Amino acid sequence: MTFDIVTIILTLISWAAFGFLYLIIAFIVLLPIISPYWNYKENQKWLKWETLEQYWVTHPDCKTSNGTKCYHCGSSNVRQYGFKESSDGRRLHQCNQCSVWLYRSGNK
């Protein structure tokens, strides 16, 4: 049995289409199963940061009448970022002077 080039190309295209369709179905089926695990792992990373109250216990001299200051350089200029994106409710706080990460706030 001989195959011409058109038959070979059509066979390859059909296998590629089948493979692509298989990946899409697998992604749709597996995403709801895997997604909670990814969120759990991300949240565990965020929970490793000290809360503001824990930060004050660790660095009691950093709690001032005007707020919180950096334990490293003493600056009270602190900025905050979303943990994964700017709209994330989980916030990380960083010293604006020396760029040391200080504590977390917010919730999921």
PDB file of N, CA and C in Angstrom:
ATOM      1  N   MET A   1       0.843  -1.157   0.000  1.00  0.00           N
ATOM      2  CA  MET A   1       0.000   0.000   0.000  1.00  0.00           C
ATOM      3  C   MET A   1       0.900   1.236   0.000  1.00  0.00           C
ATOM      4  N   THR A   2       0.657   2.126  -0.875  1.00  0.00           N
ATOM      5  CA  THR A   2       1.474   3.331  -0.966  1.00  0.00           C
ATOM      6  C   THR A   2       0.659   4.530  -0.485  1.00  0.00           C
ATOM      7  N   PHE A   3       1.376   5.435   0.130  1.00  0.00           N
ATOM      8  CA  PHE A   3       0.749   6.679   0.603  1.00  0.00           C
ATOM      9  C   PHE A   3       1.314   7.823  -0.198  1.00  0.00           C
ATOM     10  N   ASP A   4       0.469   8.652  -0.649  1.00  0.00           N
ATOM     11  CA  ASP A   4       0.958   9.856  -1.307  1.00  0.00           C
ATOM     12  C   ASP A   4       1.073  10.963  -0.258  1.00  0.00           C
ATOM     13  N   ILE A   5       1.668  12.056  -0.625  1.00  0.00           N
ATOM     14  CA  ILE A   5       1.954  13.153   0.307  1.00  0.00           C
ATOM     15  C   ILE A   5       0.677  13.765   0.872  1.00  0.00           C
ATOM     16  N   VAL A   6      -0.385  13.811   0.090  1.00  0.00           N
ATOM     17  CA  VAL A   6      -1.647  14.390   0.564  1.00  0.00           C
ATOM     18  C   VAL A   6      -2.231  13.537   1.692  1.00  0.00           C
ATOM     19  N   THR A   7      -2.190  12.247   1.559  1.00  0.00           N
ATOM     20  CA  THR A   7      -2.709  11.355   2.596  1.00  0.00           C
ATOM     21  C   THR A   7      -1.907  11.501   3.886  1.00  0.00           C
ATOM     22  N   ILE A   8      -0.610  11.614   3.772  1.00  0.00           N
ATOM     23  CA  ILE A   8       0.248  11.778   4.945  1.00  0.00           C
ATOM     24  C   ILE A   8      -0.058  13.103   5.638  1.00  0.00           C
ATOM     25  N   ILE A   9      -0.189  14.177   4.874  1.00  0.00           N
ATOM     26  CA  ILE A   9      -0.475  15.493   5.455  1.00  0.00           C
ATOM     27  C   ILE A   9      -1.837  15.489   6.136  1.00  0.00           C
ATOM     28  N   LEU A  10      -2.843  14.902   5.477  1.00  0.00           N
ATOM     29  CA  LEU A  10      -4.176  14.845   6.082  1.00  0.00           C
ATOM     30  C   LEU A  10      -4.179  14.012   7.365  1.00  0.00           C
ATOM     31  N   THR A  11      -3.414  12.948   7.387  1.00  0.00           N
ATOM     32  CA  THR A  11      -3.316  12.119   8.585  1.00  0.00           C
ATOM     33  C   THR A  11      -2.665  12.902   9.730  1.00  0.00           C
ATOM     34  N   LEU A  12      -1.594  13.622   9.418  1.00  0.00           N
ATOM     35  CA  LEU A  12      -0.917  14.428  10.440  1.00  0.00           C
ATOM     36  C   LEU A  12      -1.835  15.527  10.969  1.00  0.00           C
ATOM     37  N   ILE A  13      -2.578  16.178  10.090  1.00  0.00           N
ATOM     38  CA  ILE A  13      -3.499  17.237  10.516  1.00  0.00           C
ATOM     39  C   ILE A  13      -4.595  16.664  11.406  1.00  0.00           C
ATOM     40  N   SER A  14      -5.118  15.500  11.040  1.00  0.00           N
ATOM     41  CA  SER A  14      -6.183  14.905  11.858  1.00  0.00           C
ATOM     42  C   SER A  14      -5.658  14.505  13.236  1.00  0.00           C
ATOM     43  N   TRP A  15      -4.437  13.971  13.305  1.00  0.00           N
ATOM     44  CA  TRP A  15      -3.856  13.626  14.604  1.00  0.00           C
ATOM     45  C   TRP A  15      -3.571  14.875  15.433  1.00  0.00           C
ATOM     46  N   ALA A  16      -3.116  15.949  14.787  1.00  0.00           N
ATOM     47  CA  ALA A  16      -2.874  17.202  15.503  1.00  0.00           C
ATOM     48  C   ALA A  16      -4.187  17.768  16.048  1.00  0.00           C
ATOM     49  N   ALA A  17      -5.240  17.709  15.235  1.00  0.00           N
ATOM     50  CA  ALA A  17      -6.539  18.192  15.688  1.00  0.00           C
ATOM     51  C   ALA A  17      -7.046  17.345  16.850  1.00  0.00           C
ATOM     52  N   PHE A  18      -6.883  16.042  16.763  1.00  0.00           N
ATOM     53  CA  PHE A  18      -7.299  15.163  17.845  1.00  0.00           C
ATOM     54  C   PHE A  18      -6.507  15.476  19.124  1.00  0.00           C
ATOM     55  N   GLY A  19      -5.222  15.669  18.998  1.00  0.00           N
ATOM     56  CA  GLY A  19      -4.382  15.998  20.152  1.00  0.00           C
ATOM     57  C   GLY A  19      -4.778  17.324  20.778  1.00  0.00           C
ATOM     58  N   PHE A  20      -5.052  18.309  19.946  1.00  0.00           N
ATOM     59  CA  PHE A  20      -5.466  19.622  20.435  1.00  0.00           C
ATOM     60  C   PHE A  20      -6.804  19.522  21.164  1.00  0.00           C
ATOM     61  N   LEU A  21      -7.736  18.805  20.584  1.00  0.00           N
ATOM     62  CA  LEU A  21      -9.041  18.609  21.210  1.00  0.00           C
ATOM     63  C   LEU A  21      -8.897  17.859  22.537  1.00  0.00           C
ATOM     64  N   TYR A  22      -8.040  16.870  22.587  1.00  0.00           N
ATOM     65  CA  TYR A  22      -7.787  16.125  23.817  1.00  0.00           C
ATOM     66  C   TYR A  22      -7.242  17.052  24.901  1.00  0.00           C
ATOM     67  N   LEU A  23      -6.300  17.939  24.547  1.00  0.00           N
ATOM     68  CA  LEU A  23      -5.736  18.874  25.518  1.00  0.00           C
ATOM     69  C   LEU A  23      -6.792  19.837  26.049  1.00  0.00           C
ATOM     70  N   ILE A  24      -7.650  20.316  25.169  1.00  0.00           N
ATOM     71  CA  ILE A  24      -8.705  21.232  25.604  1.00  0.00           C
ATOM     72  C   ILE A  24      -9.646  20.536  26.582  1.00  0.00           C
ATOM     73  N   ILE A  25     -10.071  19.342  26.258  1.00  0.00           N
ATOM     74  CA  ILE A  25     -10.983  18.601  27.141  1.00  0.00           C
ATOM     75  C   ILE A  25     -10.296  18.287  28.465  1.00  0.00           C
ATOM     76  N   ALA A  26      -9.042  17.873  28.415  1.00  0.00           N
ATOM     77  CA  ALA A  26      -8.305  17.574  29.647  1.00  0.00           C
ATOM     78  C   ALA A  26      -8.176  18.827  30.509  1.00  0.00           C
ATOM     79  N   PHE A  27      -7.920  19.969  29.891  1.00  0.00           N
ATOM     80  CA  PHE A  27      -7.789  21.233  30.624  1.00  0.00           C
ATOM     81  C   PHE A  27      -9.112  21.602  31.282  1.00  0.00           C
ATOM     82  N   ILE A  28     -10.210  21.453  30.551  1.00  0.00           N
ATOM     83  CA  ILE A  28     -11.527  21.789  31.093  1.00  0.00           C
ATOM     84  C   ILE A  28     -11.894  20.857  32.242  1.00  0.00           C
ATOM     85  N   VAL A  29     -11.549  19.605  32.127  1.00  0.00           N
ATOM     86  CA  VAL A  29     -11.882  18.640  33.171  1.00  0.00           C
ATOM     87  C   VAL A  29     -10.951  18.792  34.376  1.00  0.00           C
ATOM     88  N   LEU A  30      -9.665  18.992  34.134  1.00  0.00           N
ATOM     89  CA  LEU A  30      -8.697  19.029  35.232  1.00  0.00           C
ATOM     90  C   LEU A  30      -8.598  20.374  35.944  1.00  0.00           C
ATOM     91  N   LEU A  31      -8.939  21.462  35.277  1.00  0.00           N
ATOM     92  CA  LEU A  31      -8.797  22.779  35.897  1.00  0.00           C
ATOM     93  C   LEU A  31      -9.582  22.917  37.193  1.00  0.00           C
ATOM     94  N   PRO A  32     -10.856  22.512  37.249  1.00  0.00           N
ATOM     95  CA  PRO A  32     -11.570  22.617  38.532  1.00  0.00           C
ATOM     96  C   PRO A  32     -10.967  21.746  39.633  1.00  0.00           C
ATOM     97  N   ILE A  33     -10.267  20.706  39.262  1.00  0.00           N
ATOM     98  CA  ILE A  33      -9.644  19.829  40.255  1.00  0.00           C
ATOM     99  C   ILE A  33      -8.328  20.432  40.747  1.00  0.00           C
ATOM    100  N   ILE A  34      -7.552  21.009  39.847  1.00  0.00           N
ATOM    101  CA  ILE A  34      -6.228  21.534  40.183  1.00  0.00           C
ATOM    102  C   ILE A  34      -6.286  22.941  40.768  1.00  0.00           C
ATOM    103  N   SER A  35      -7.245  23.748  40.342  1.00  0.00           N
ATOM    104  CA  SER A  35      -7.328  25.147  40.747  1.00  0.00           C
ATOM    105  C   SER A  35      -7.364  25.351  42.264  1.00  0.00           C
ATOM    106  N   PRO A  36      -8.168  24.620  43.018  1.00  0.00           N
ATOM    107  CA  PRO A  36      -8.146  24.819  44.476  1.00  0.00           C
ATOM    108  C   PRO A  36      -6.777  24.543  45.092  1.00  0.00           C
ATOM    109  N   TYR A  37      -6.050  23.590  44.547  1.00  0.00           N
ATOM    110  CA  TYR A  37      -4.709  23.290  45.056  1.00  0.00           C
ATOM    111  C   TYR A  37      -3.770  24.474  44.813  1.00  0.00           C
ATOM    112  N   TRP A  38      -3.830  25.069  43.609  1.00  0.00           N
ATOM    113  CA  TRP A  38      -3.000  26.241  43.325  1.00  0.00           C
ATOM    114  C   TRP A  38      -3.325  27.383  44.273  1.00  0.00           C
ATOM    115  N   ASN A  39      -4.622  27.644  44.478  1.00  0.00           N
ATOM    116  CA  ASN A  39      -5.029  28.712  45.383  1.00  0.00           C
ATOM    117  C   ASN A  39      -4.572  28.429  46.807  1.00  0.00           C
ATOM    118  N   TYR A  40      -4.652  27.184  47.233  1.00  0.00           N
ATOM    119  CA  TYR A  40      -4.212  26.802  48.565  1.00  0.00           C
ATOM    120  C   TYR A  40      -2.721  27.075  48.727  1.00  0.00           C
ATOM    121  N   LYS A  41      -1.920  26.673  47.731  1.00  0.00           N
ATOM    122  CA  LYS A  41      -0.467  26.865  47.819  1.00  0.00           C
ATOM    123  C   LYS A  41      -0.115  28.357  47.842  1.00  0.00           C
ATOM    124  N   GLU A  42      -0.806  29.163  47.021  1.00  0.00           N
ATOM    125  CA  GLU A  42      -0.563  30.608  47.027  1.00  0.00           C
ATOM    126  C   GLU A  42      -0.903  31.207  48.382  1.00  0.00           C
ATOM    127  N   ASN A  43      -2.040  30.802  48.925  1.00  0.00           N
ATOM    128  CA  ASN A  43      -2.463  31.345  50.211  1.00  0.00           C
ATOM    129  C   ASN A  43      -1.503  30.928  51.320  1.00  0.00           C
ATOM    130  N   GLN A  44      -0.947  29.730  51.247  1.00  0.00           N
ATOM    131  CA  GLN A  44       0.031  29.295  52.242  1.00  0.00           C
ATOM    132  C   GLN A  44       1.277  30.170  52.208  1.00  0.00           C
ATOM    133  N   LYS A  45       1.701  30.586  51.005  1.00  0.00           N
ATOM    134  CA  LYS A  45       2.851  31.489  50.889  1.00  0.00           C
ATOM    135  C   LYS A  45       2.549  32.827  51.541  1.00  0.00           C
ATOM    136  N   TRP A  46       1.324  33.326  51.316  1.00  0.00           N
ATOM    137  CA  TRP A  46       0.939  34.614  51.893  1.00  0.00           C
ATOM    138  C   TRP A  46       0.859  34.526  53.413  1.00  0.00           C
ATOM    139  N   LEU A  47       0.362  33.412  53.933  1.00  0.00           N
ATOM    140  CA  LEU A  47       0.211  33.250  55.374  1.00  0.00           C
ATOM    141  C   LEU A  47       1.550  33.137  56.101  1.00  0.00           C
ATOM    142  N   LYS A  48       2.627  32.883  55.396  1.00  0.00           N
ATOM    143  CA  LYS A  48       3.950  32.802  56.024  1.00  0.00           C
ATOM    144  C   LYS A  48       4.441  34.181  56.474  1.00  0.00           C
ATOM    145  N   TRP A  49       3.911  35.242  55.882  1.00  0.00           N
ATOM    146  CA  TRP A  49       4.293  36.597  56.287  1.00  0.00           C
ATOM    147  C   TRP A  49       3.656  36.925  57.635  1.00  0.00           C
ATOM    148  N   GLU A  50       4.336  37.728  58.445  1.00  0.00           N
ATOM    149  CA  GLU A  50       3.778  38.177  59.720  1.00  0.00           C
ATOM    150  C   GLU A  50       2.604  39.118  59.478  1.00  0.00           C
ATOM    151  N   THR A  51       1.612  39.070  60.362  1.00  0.00           N
ATOM    152  CA  THR A  51       0.564  40.092  60.346  1.00  0.00           C
ATOM    153  C   THR A  51       1.133  41.350  61.008  1.00  0.00           C
ATOM    154  N   LEU A  52       0.390  42.438  60.949  1.00  0.00           N
ATOM    155  CA  LEU A  52       0.854  43.674  61.581  1.00  0.00           C
ATOM    156  C   LEU A  52       1.029  43.477  63.082  1.00  0.00           C
ATOM    157  N   GLU A  53       0.098  42.786  63.710  1.00  0.00           N
ATOM    158  CA  GLU A  53       0.201  42.544  65.147  1.00  0.00           C
ATOM    159  C   GLU A  53       1.428  41.690  65.478  1.00  0.00           C
ATOM    160  N   GLN A  54       1.689  40.671  64.675  1.00  0.00           N
ATOM    161  CA  GLN A  54       2.883  39.843  64.881  1.00  0.00           C
ATOM    162  C   GLN A  54       4.152  40.667  64.643  1.00  0.00           C
ATOM    163  N   TYR A  55       4.105  41.543  63.651  1.00  0.00           N
ATOM    164  CA  TYR A  55       5.249  42.425  63.362  1.00  0.00           C
ATOM    165  C   TYR A  55       5.542  43.307  64.569  1.00  0.00           C
ATOM    166  N   TRP A  56       4.497  43.860  65.197  1.00  0.00           N
ATOM    167  CA  TRP A  56       4.688  44.705  66.371  1.00  0.00           C
ATOM    168  C   TRP A  56       5.225  43.907  67.555  1.00  0.00           C
ATOM    169  N   VAL A  57       4.824  42.646  67.679  1.00  0.00           N
ATOM    170  CA  VAL A  57       5.351  41.805  68.765  1.00  0.00           C
ATOM    171  C   VAL A  57       6.832  41.524  68.520  1.00  0.00           C
ATOM    172  N   THR A  58       7.177  41.218  67.261  1.00  0.00           N
ATOM    173  CA  THR A  58       8.571  40.933  66.913  1.00  0.00           C
ATOM    174  C   THR A  58       9.437  42.181  67.021  1.00  0.00           C
ATOM    175  N   HIS A  59       8.878  43.331  66.626  1.00  0.00           N
ATOM    176  CA  HIS A  59       9.615  44.605  66.629  1.00  0.00           C
ATOM    177  C   HIS A  59       8.788  45.650  67.386  1.00  0.00           C
ATOM    178  N   PRO A  60       8.786  45.595  68.706  1.00  0.00           N
ATOM    179  CA  PRO A  60       7.923  46.485  69.488  1.00  0.00           C
ATOM    180  C   PRO A  60       8.255  47.967  69.332  1.00  0.00           C
ATOM    181  N   ASP A  61       9.492  48.286  69.031  1.00  0.00           N
ATOM    182  CA  ASP A  61       9.873  49.694  68.864  1.00  0.00           C
ATOM    183  C   ASP A  61       9.377  50.278  67.540  1.00  0.00           C
ATOM    184  N   CYS A  62       8.816  49.443  66.659  1.00  0.00           N
ATOM    185  CA  CYS A  62       8.334  49.913  65.355  1.00  0.00           C
ATOM    186  C   CYS A  62       6.902  50.417  65.412  1.00  0.00           C
ATOM    187  N   LYS A  63       6.218  50.207  66.534  1.00  0.00           N
ATOM    188  CA  LYS A  63       4.858  50.725  66.694  1.00  0.00           C
ATOM    189  C   LYS A  63       4.956  52.126  67.269  1.00  0.00           C
ATOM    190  N   THR A  64       4.504  53.092  66.495  1.00  0.00           N
ATOM    191  CA  THR A  64       4.588  54.485  66.919  1.00  0.00           C
ATOM    192  C   THR A  64       3.188  55.088  66.989  1.00  0.00           C
ATOM    193  N   SER A  65       3.107  56.302  67.506  1.00  0.00           N
ATOM    194  CA  SER A  65       1.809  56.983  67.578  1.00  0.00           C
ATOM    195  C   SER A  65       1.318  57.371  66.174  1.00  0.00           C
ATOM    196  N   ASN A  66       2.244  57.464  65.214  1.00  0.00           N
ATOM    197  CA  ASN A  66       1.888  57.817  63.833  1.00  0.00           C
ATOM    198  C   ASN A  66       1.676  56.598  62.943  1.00  0.00           C
ATOM    199  N   GLY A  67       1.837  55.403  63.475  1.00  0.00           N
ATOM    200  CA  GLY A  67       1.675  54.199  62.670  1.00  0.00           C
ATOM    201  C   GLY A  67       2.803  53.218  62.892  1.00  0.00           C
ATOM    202  N   THR A  68       3.333  52.697  61.815  1.00  0.00           N
ATOM    203  CA  THR A  68       4.369  51.671  61.872  1.00  0.00           C
ATOM    204  C   THR A  68       5.607  52.160  61.141  1.00  0.00           C
ATOM    205  N   LYS A  69       6.770  51.789  61.673  1.00  0.00           N
ATOM    206  CA  LYS A  69       8.007  52.137  60.977  1.00  0.00           C
ATOM    207  C   LYS A  69       8.795  50.877  60.660  1.00  0.00           C
ATOM    208  N   CYS A  70       9.751  51.014  59.781  1.00  0.00           N
ATOM    209  CA  CYS A  70      10.585  49.902  59.330  1.00  0.00           C
ATOM    210  C   CYS A  70      11.583  49.512  60.421  1.00  0.00           C
ATOM    211  N   TYR A  71      11.701  48.209  60.662  1.00  0.00           N
ATOM    212  CA  TYR A  71      12.669  47.728  61.651  1.00  0.00           C
ATOM    213  C   TYR A  71      14.102  47.878  61.157  1.00  0.00           C
ATOM    214  N   HIS A  72      14.290  47.961  59.855  1.00  0.00           N
ATOM    215  CA  HIS A  72      15.636  47.982  59.280  1.00  0.00           C
ATOM    216  C   HIS A  72      16.227  49.389  59.267  1.00  0.00           C
ATOM    217  N   CYS A  73      15.459  50.350  58.754  1.00  0.00           N
ATOM    218  CA  CYS A  73      16.012  51.712  58.614  1.00  0.00           C
ATOM    219  C   CYS A  73      15.278  52.746  59.459  1.00  0.00           C
ATOM    220  N   GLY A  74      14.138  52.394  60.042  1.00  0.00           N
ATOM    221  CA  GLY A  74      13.393  53.316  60.891  1.00  0.00           C
ATOM    222  C   GLY A  74      12.450  54.253  60.153  1.00  0.00           C
ATOM    223  N   SER A  75      12.341  54.117  58.851  1.00  0.00           N
ATOM    224  CA  SER A  75      11.452  54.982  58.073  1.00  0.00           C
ATOM    225  C   SER A  75       9.995  54.605  58.340  1.00  0.00           C
ATOM    226  N   SER A  76       9.139  55.634  58.388  1.00  0.00           N
ATOM    227  CA  SER A  76       7.711  55.368  58.559  1.00  0.00           C
ATOM    228  C   SER A  76       6.970  55.420  57.220  1.00  0.00           C
ATOM    229  N   ASN A  77       7.713  55.525  56.131  1.00  0.00           N
ATOM    230  CA  ASN A  77       7.138  55.568  54.789  1.00  0.00           C
ATOM    231  C   ASN A  77       7.008  54.129  54.280  1.00  0.00           C
ATOM    232  N   VAL A  78       5.804  53.583  54.427  1.00  0.00           N
ATOM    233  CA  VAL A  78       5.541  52.188  54.068  1.00  0.00           C
ATOM    234  C   VAL A  78       4.517  52.161  52.942  1.00  0.00           C
ATOM    235  N   ARG A  79       4.799  51.382  51.916  1.00  0.00           N
ATOM    236  CA  ARG A  79       3.843  51.222  50.811  1.00  0.00           C
ATOM    237  C   ARG A  79       3.333  49.786  50.819  1.00  0.00           C
ATOM    238  N   GLN A  80       2.211  49.574  50.137  1.00  0.00           N
ATOM    239  CA  GLN A  80       1.625  48.232  50.106  1.00  0.00           C
ATOM    240  C   GLN A  80       1.340  47.802  48.678  1.00  0.00           C
ATOM    241  N   TYR A  81       1.377  46.503  48.504  1.00  0.00           N
ATOM    242  CA  TYR A  81       1.143  45.894  47.197  1.00  0.00           C
ATOM    243  C   TYR A  81       0.168  44.734  47.355  1.00  0.00           C
ATOM    244  N   GLY A  82      -0.588  44.458  46.306  1.00  0.00           N
ATOM    245  CA  GLY A  82      -1.395  43.253  46.273  1.00  0.00           C
ATOM    246  C   GLY A  82      -0.468  42.054  46.166  1.00  0.00           C
ATOM    247  N   PHE A  83      -0.843  40.960  46.801  1.00  0.00           N
ATOM    248  CA  PHE A  83       0.027  39.778  46.832  1.00  0.00           C
ATOM    249  C   PHE A  83       0.293  39.230  45.434  1.00  0.00           C
ATOM    250  N   LYS A  84      -0.749  39.048  44.636  1.00  0.00           N
ATOM    251  CA  LYS A  84      -0.573  38.531  43.274  1.00  0.00           C
ATOM    252  C   LYS A  84      -0.826  39.584  42.213  1.00  0.00           C
ATOM    253  N   GLU A  85      -1.702  40.543  42.498  1.00  0.00           N
ATOM    254  CA  GLU A  85      -2.006  41.623  41.564  1.00  0.00           C
ATOM    255  C   GLU A  85      -2.473  42.818  42.383  1.00  0.00           C
ATOM    256  N   SER A  86      -2.554  43.973  41.761  1.00  0.00           N
ATOM    257  CA  SER A  86      -2.853  45.191  42.507  1.00  0.00           C
ATOM    258  C   SER A  86      -4.220  45.173  43.168  1.00  0.00           C
ATOM    259  N   SER A  87      -5.178  44.447  42.618  1.00  0.00           N
ATOM    260  CA  SER A  87      -6.519  44.405  43.207  1.00  0.00           C
ATOM    261  C   SER A  87      -6.689  43.275  44.220  1.00  0.00           C
ATOM    262  N   ASP A  88      -5.644  42.534  44.495  1.00  0.00           N
ATOM    263  CA  ASP A  88      -5.713  41.423  45.447  1.00  0.00           C
ATOM    264  C   ASP A  88      -5.978  41.969  46.850  1.00  0.00           C
ATOM    265  N   GLY A  89      -6.914  41.357  47.575  1.00  0.00           N
ATOM    266  CA  GLY A  89      -7.219  41.773  48.935  1.00  0.00           C
ATOM    267  C   GLY A  89      -6.120  41.427  49.920  1.00  0.00           C
ATOM    268  N   ARG A  90      -5.273  40.485  49.555  1.00  0.00           N
ATOM    269  CA  ARG A  90      -4.115  40.143  50.388  1.00  0.00           C
ATOM    270  C   ARG A  90      -3.019  41.147  50.078  1.00  0.00           C
ATOM    271  N   ARG A  91      -2.552  41.880  51.086  1.00  0.00           N
ATOM    272  CA  ARG A  91      -1.594  42.956  50.876  1.00  0.00           C
ATOM    273  C   ARG A  91      -0.267  42.641  51.560  1.00  0.00           C
ATOM    274  N   LEU A  92       0.817  43.038  50.917  1.00  0.00           N
ATOM    275  CA  LEU A  92       2.152  42.974  51.522  1.00  0.00           C
ATOM    276  C   LEU A  92       2.671  44.398  51.648  1.00  0.00           C
ATOM    277  N   HIS A  93       3.287  44.693  52.780  1.00  0.00           N
ATOM    278  CA  HIS A  93       3.767  46.041  53.056  1.00  0.00           C
ATOM    279  C   HIS A  93       5.288  46.060  52.999  1.00  0.00           C
ATOM    280  N   GLN A  94       5.809  47.108  52.355  1.00  0.00           N
ATOM    281  CA  GLN A  94       7.248  47.224  52.128  1.00  0.00           C
ATOM    282  C   GLN A  94       7.701  48.624  52.502  1.00  0.00           C
ATOM    283  N   CYS A  95       8.892  48.720  53.069  1.00  0.00           N
ATOM    284  CA  CYS A  95       9.472  50.022  53.383  1.00  0.00           C
ATOM    285  C   CYS A  95       9.792  50.753  52.082  1.00  0.00           C
ATOM    286  N   ASN A  96       9.367  51.997  51.991  1.00  0.00           N
ATOM    287  CA  ASN A  96       9.604  52.782  50.786  1.00  0.00           C
ATOM    288  C   ASN A  96      11.043  53.303  50.733  1.00  0.00           C
ATOM    289  N   GLN A  97      11.721  53.296  51.861  1.00  0.00           N
ATOM    290  CA  GLN A  97      13.087  53.808  51.929  1.00  0.00           C
ATOM    291  C   GLN A  97      14.130  52.743  51.570  1.00  0.00           C
ATOM    292  N   CYS A  98      14.044  51.579  52.212  1.00  0.00           N
ATOM    293  CA  CYS A  98      15.080  50.559  52.018  1.00  0.00           C
ATOM    294  C   CYS A  98      14.564  49.300  51.308  1.00  0.00           C
ATOM    295  N   SER A  99      13.287  49.270  50.964  1.00  0.00           N
ATOM    296  CA  SER A  99      12.660  48.174  50.204  1.00  0.00           C
ATOM    297  C   SER A  99      12.622  46.839  50.945  1.00  0.00           C
ATOM    298  N   VAL A 100      12.674  46.851  52.260  1.00  0.00           N
ATOM    299  CA  VAL A 100      12.546  45.627  53.048  1.00  0.00           C
ATOM    300  C   VAL A 100      11.062  45.301  53.185  1.00  0.00           C
ATOM    301  N   TRP A 101      10.718  44.037  52.971  1.00  0.00           N
ATOM    302  CA  TRP A 101       9.329  43.600  53.155  1.00  0.00           C
ATOM    303  C   TRP A 101       9.066  43.467  54.642  1.00  0.00           C
ATOM    304  N   LEU A 102       7.924  43.990  55.107  1.00  0.00           N
ATOM    305  CA  LEU A 102       7.674  44.071  56.525  1.00  0.00           C
ATOM    306  C   LEU A 102       6.601  43.102  57.023  1.00  0.00           C
ATOM    307  N   TYR A 103       5.384  43.189  56.526  1.00  0.00           N
ATOM    308  CA  TYR A 103       4.283  42.392  57.056  1.00  0.00           C
ATOM    309  C   TYR A 103       3.163  42.296  56.025  1.00  0.00           C
ATOM    310  N   ARG A 104       2.132  41.516  56.382  1.00  0.00           N
ATOM    311  CA  ARG A 104       0.968  41.343  55.494  1.00  0.00           C
ATOM    312  C   ARG A 104      -0.265  41.919  56.157  1.00  0.00           C
ATOM    313  N   SER A 105      -1.272  42.183  55.359  1.00  0.00           N
ATOM    314  CA  SER A 105      -2.576  42.594  55.876  1.00  0.00           C
ATOM    315  C   SER A 105      -3.652  42.167  54.889  1.00  0.00           C
ATOM    316  N   GLY A 106      -4.906  42.371  55.278  1.00  0.00           N
ATOM    317  CA  GLY A 106      -6.006  42.011  54.404  1.00  0.00           C
ATOM    318  C   GLY A 106      -6.383  40.556  54.562  1.00  0.00           C
ATOM    319  N   ASN A 107      -7.255  40.116  53.683  1.00  0.00           N
ATOM    320  CA  ASN A 107      -7.680  38.720  53.719  1.00  0.00           C
ATOM    321  C   ASN A 107      -8.065  38.268  52.321  1.00  0.00           C
ATOM    322  N   LYS A 108      -8.242  37.000  52.186  1.00  0.00           N
ATOM    323  CA  LYS A 108      -8.573  36.401  50.876  1.00  0.00           C
ATOM    324  C   LYS A 108     -10.008  36.645  50.568  1.00  0.00           C
TER     325      LYS A 108
END
